[in-house]
Protein backbone atom coordinates (compact mmCIF):
# COMPACT_ATOMS: atom_id res chain seq x y z
CA UNK A 1 0.00 0.00 0.00
CA UNK A 2 2.76 2.45 0.91
CA UNK A 3 4.57 1.60 -2.31
CA UNK A 4 1.55 2.81 -4.28
CA UNK A 5 1.27 6.06 -2.30
CA UNK A 6 4.99 6.83 -2.62
CA UNK A 7 4.98 6.08 -6.36
CA UNK A 8 6.21 9.22 -8.23
CA UNK A 9 3.60 8.76 -10.97
CA UNK A 10 0.79 8.68 -8.42
CA UNK A 11 2.18 11.72 -6.61
CA UNK A 12 2.36 13.59 -9.93
CA UNK A 13 -1.27 12.62 -10.66
CA UNK A 14 -2.39 13.92 -7.25
CA UNK A 15 -0.56 17.17 -7.91
CA UNK A 16 -2.18 17.46 -11.36
CA UNK A 17 -5.65 17.22 -9.79
CA UNK A 18 -5.03 20.62 -8.25
CA UNK A 19 -3.05 22.29 -11.04
CA UNK A 20 -4.18 20.96 -14.45
CA UNK A 21 -7.46 20.35 -16.20
CA UNK A 22 -7.29 17.55 -18.73
CA UNK A 23 -9.39 14.49 -19.52
CA UNK A 24 -7.91 12.35 -16.74
CA UNK A 25 -8.31 14.95 -14.00
CA UNK A 26 -11.78 15.91 -15.23
CA UNK A 27 -12.91 12.29 -15.19
CA UNK A 28 -11.41 11.83 -11.72
CA UNK A 29 -13.25 14.89 -10.38
CA UNK A 30 -16.46 13.59 -11.98
CA UNK A 31 -16.09 10.24 -10.20
CA UNK A 32 -15.32 11.96 -6.87
CA UNK A 33 -18.37 14.23 -7.25
CA UNK A 34 -20.57 11.28 -8.15
CA UNK A 35 -19.49 9.28 -5.10
CA UNK A 36 -20.01 12.25 -2.77
CA UNK A 37 -23.43 12.96 -4.28
CA UNK A 38 -24.44 9.33 -3.79
CA UNK A 39 -23.47 9.53 -0.13
CA UNK A 40 -25.36 12.82 0.27
CA UNK A 41 -28.39 11.44 -1.59
CA UNK A 42 -28.48 8.37 0.64
CA UNK A 43 -28.37 10.53 3.76
CA UNK A 44 -31.05 12.83 2.35
CA UNK A 45 -33.25 9.87 1.42
CA UNK A 46 -32.95 8.47 4.93
CA UNK A 47 -33.84 11.82 6.49
CA UNK A 48 -36.77 12.55 4.15
CA UNK A 49 -38.42 9.17 3.64
CA UNK A 50 -36.76 6.75 6.02
CA UNK A 51 -39.82 6.10 8.17
CA UNK A 52 -42.22 5.82 5.23
CA UNK A 53 -40.23 3.65 2.83
CA UNK A 54 -37.77 1.97 5.14
CA UNK A 55 -34.30 3.25 5.77
CA UNK A 56 -32.41 0.97 3.38
CA UNK A 57 -34.79 1.48 0.47
CA UNK A 58 -34.83 5.25 1.00
CA UNK A 59 -31.02 5.27 1.02
CA UNK A 60 -30.87 3.28 -2.21
CA UNK A 61 -33.38 5.51 -3.99
CA UNK A 62 -31.66 8.67 -2.71
CA UNK A 63 -28.24 7.48 -3.84
CA UNK A 64 -29.57 6.64 -7.30
CA UNK A 65 -31.36 9.95 -7.87
CA UNK A 66 -28.69 12.30 -6.48
CA UNK A 67 -26.13 11.90 -9.31
CA UNK A 68 -28.83 12.80 -11.86
CA UNK A 69 -28.40 16.45 -10.94
CA UNK A 70 -24.71 16.41 -10.07
CA UNK A 71 -23.25 14.81 -13.18
CA UNK A 72 -24.50 17.46 -15.67
CA UNK A 73 -23.52 20.27 -13.30
CA UNK A 74 -19.98 18.94 -12.86
CA UNK A 75 -19.52 18.39 -16.60
CA UNK A 76 -20.75 21.92 -17.32
CA UNK A 77 -18.50 23.34 -14.61
CA UNK A 78 -15.44 21.51 -15.94
CA UNK A 79 -16.25 22.69 -19.45
CA UNK A 80 -16.48 26.31 -18.27
CA UNK A 81 -13.23 25.98 -16.32
CA UNK A 82 -11.54 24.61 -19.41
CA UNK A 83 -12.80 27.52 -21.50
CA UNK A 84 -11.64 30.05 -18.91
CA UNK A 85 -8.24 28.40 -18.58
CA UNK A 86 -7.63 28.53 -22.33
CA UNK A 87 -8.53 32.22 -22.75
C-alpha atoms as a PDB file:
ATOM      1  CA  UNK A   1       0.000   0.000   0.000  1.00  0.00           C
ATOM      2  CA  UNK A   2       2.757   2.446   0.913  1.00  0.00           C
ATOM      3  CA  UNK A   3       4.569   1.599  -2.312  1.00  0.00           C
ATOM      4  CA  UNK A   4       1.553   2.811  -4.276  1.00  0.00           C
ATOM      5  CA  UNK A   5       1.274   6.059  -2.298  1.00  0.00           C
ATOM      6  CA  UNK A   6       4.986   6.826  -2.624  1.00  0.00           C
ATOM      7  CA  UNK A   7       4.984   6.081  -6.365  1.00  0.00           C
ATOM      8  CA  UNK A   8       6.211   9.216  -8.232  1.00  0.00           C
ATOM      9  CA  UNK A   9       3.595   8.760 -10.969  1.00  0.00           C
ATOM     10  CA  UNK A  10       0.795   8.681  -8.421  1.00  0.00           C
ATOM     11  CA  UNK A  11       2.176  11.723  -6.605  1.00  0.00           C
ATOM     12  CA  UNK A  12       2.358  13.591  -9.928  1.00  0.00           C
ATOM     13  CA  UNK A  13      -1.266  12.619 -10.656  1.00  0.00           C
ATOM     14  CA  UNK A  14      -2.388  13.919  -7.248  1.00  0.00           C
ATOM     15  CA  UNK A  15      -0.562  17.172  -7.914  1.00  0.00           C
ATOM     16  CA  UNK A  16      -2.178  17.462 -11.359  1.00  0.00           C
ATOM     17  CA  UNK A  17      -5.654  17.220  -9.785  1.00  0.00           C
ATOM     18  CA  UNK A  18      -5.026  20.619  -8.249  1.00  0.00           C
ATOM     19  CA  UNK A  19      -3.052  22.285 -11.035  1.00  0.00           C
ATOM     20  CA  UNK A  20      -4.176  20.957 -14.446  1.00  0.00           C
ATOM     21  CA  UNK A  21      -7.461  20.346 -16.200  1.00  0.00           C
ATOM     22  CA  UNK A  22      -7.289  17.549 -18.731  1.00  0.00           C
ATOM     23  CA  UNK A  23      -9.394  14.486 -19.519  1.00  0.00           C
ATOM     24  CA  UNK A  24      -7.911  12.352 -16.737  1.00  0.00           C
ATOM     25  CA  UNK A  25      -8.309  14.947 -13.996  1.00  0.00           C
ATOM     26  CA  UNK A  26     -11.780  15.910 -15.227  1.00  0.00           C
ATOM     27  CA  UNK A  27     -12.913  12.286 -15.187  1.00  0.00           C
ATOM     28  CA  UNK A  28     -11.415  11.827 -11.718  1.00  0.00           C
ATOM     29  CA  UNK A  29     -13.255  14.887 -10.375  1.00  0.00           C
ATOM     30  CA  UNK A  30     -16.462  13.595 -11.976  1.00  0.00           C
ATOM     31  CA  UNK A  31     -16.093  10.238 -10.203  1.00  0.00           C
ATOM     32  CA  UNK A  32     -15.323  11.961  -6.872  1.00  0.00           C
ATOM     33  CA  UNK A  33     -18.372  14.232  -7.255  1.00  0.00           C
ATOM     34  CA  UNK A  34     -20.573  11.282  -8.149  1.00  0.00           C
ATOM     35  CA  UNK A  35     -19.488   9.280  -5.100  1.00  0.00           C
ATOM     36  CA  UNK A  36     -20.008  12.247  -2.775  1.00  0.00           C
ATOM     37  CA  UNK A  37     -23.433  12.959  -4.280  1.00  0.00           C
ATOM     38  CA  UNK A  38     -24.436   9.330  -3.788  1.00  0.00           C
ATOM     39  CA  UNK A  39     -23.474   9.533  -0.125  1.00  0.00           C
ATOM     40  CA  UNK A  40     -25.360  12.817   0.269  1.00  0.00           C
ATOM     41  CA  UNK A  41     -28.393  11.442  -1.586  1.00  0.00           C
ATOM     42  CA  UNK A  42     -28.478   8.366   0.638  1.00  0.00           C
ATOM     43  CA  UNK A  43     -28.368  10.527   3.760  1.00  0.00           C
ATOM     44  CA  UNK A  44     -31.055  12.832   2.348  1.00  0.00           C
ATOM     45  CA  UNK A  45     -33.247   9.874   1.416  1.00  0.00           C
ATOM     46  CA  UNK A  46     -32.955   8.468   4.926  1.00  0.00           C
ATOM     47  CA  UNK A  47     -33.844  11.816   6.486  1.00  0.00           C
ATOM     48  CA  UNK A  48     -36.771  12.552   4.154  1.00  0.00           C
ATOM     49  CA  UNK A  49     -38.423   9.174   3.639  1.00  0.00           C
ATOM     50  CA  UNK A  50     -36.760   6.752   6.022  1.00  0.00           C
ATOM     51  CA  UNK A  51     -39.817   6.096   8.172  1.00  0.00           C
ATOM     52  CA  UNK A  52     -42.222   5.824   5.231  1.00  0.00           C
ATOM     53  CA  UNK A  53     -40.232   3.649   2.829  1.00  0.00           C
ATOM     54  CA  UNK A  54     -37.770   1.971   5.135  1.00  0.00           C
ATOM     55  CA  UNK A  55     -34.299   3.252   5.772  1.00  0.00           C
ATOM     56  CA  UNK A  56     -32.412   0.975   3.385  1.00  0.00           C
ATOM     57  CA  UNK A  57     -34.787   1.484   0.467  1.00  0.00           C
ATOM     58  CA  UNK A  58     -34.833   5.250   0.998  1.00  0.00           C
ATOM     59  CA  UNK A  59     -31.020   5.271   1.022  1.00  0.00           C
ATOM     60  CA  UNK A  60     -30.866   3.280  -2.212  1.00  0.00           C
ATOM     61  CA  UNK A  61     -33.381   5.508  -3.986  1.00  0.00           C
ATOM     62  CA  UNK A  62     -31.664   8.667  -2.715  1.00  0.00           C
ATOM     63  CA  UNK A  63     -28.241   7.480  -3.840  1.00  0.00           C
ATOM     64  CA  UNK A  64     -29.574   6.643  -7.302  1.00  0.00           C
ATOM     65  CA  UNK A  65     -31.364   9.953  -7.872  1.00  0.00           C
ATOM     66  CA  UNK A  66     -28.687  12.299  -6.480  1.00  0.00           C
ATOM     67  CA  UNK A  67     -26.132  11.896  -9.313  1.00  0.00           C
ATOM     68  CA  UNK A  68     -28.832  12.796 -11.855  1.00  0.00           C
ATOM     69  CA  UNK A  69     -28.396  16.454 -10.942  1.00  0.00           C
ATOM     70  CA  UNK A  70     -24.715  16.410 -10.067  1.00  0.00           C
ATOM     71  CA  UNK A  71     -23.245  14.813 -13.184  1.00  0.00           C
ATOM     72  CA  UNK A  72     -24.500  17.460 -15.672  1.00  0.00           C
ATOM     73  CA  UNK A  73     -23.520  20.266 -13.302  1.00  0.00           C
ATOM     74  CA  UNK A  74     -19.984  18.938 -12.858  1.00  0.00           C
ATOM     75  CA  UNK A  75     -19.524  18.386 -16.600  1.00  0.00           C
ATOM     76  CA  UNK A  76     -20.753  21.920 -17.324  1.00  0.00           C
ATOM     77  CA  UNK A  77     -18.499  23.338 -14.605  1.00  0.00           C
ATOM     78  CA  UNK A  78     -15.437  21.508 -15.937  1.00  0.00           C
ATOM     79  CA  UNK A  79     -16.247  22.692 -19.452  1.00  0.00           C
ATOM     80  CA  UNK A  80     -16.479  26.314 -18.269  1.00  0.00           C
ATOM     81  CA  UNK A  81     -13.230  25.980 -16.320  1.00  0.00           C
ATOM     82  CA  UNK A  82     -11.536  24.611 -19.408  1.00  0.00           C
ATOM     83  CA  UNK A  83     -12.804  27.522 -21.496  1.00  0.00           C
ATOM     84  CA  UNK A  84     -11.642  30.054 -18.913  1.00  0.00           C
ATOM     85  CA  UNK A  85      -8.236  28.399 -18.581  1.00  0.00           C
ATOM     86  CA  UNK A  86      -7.631  28.534 -22.331  1.00  0.00           C
ATOM     87  CA  UNK A  87      -8.531  32.217 -22.750  1.00  0.00           C
END
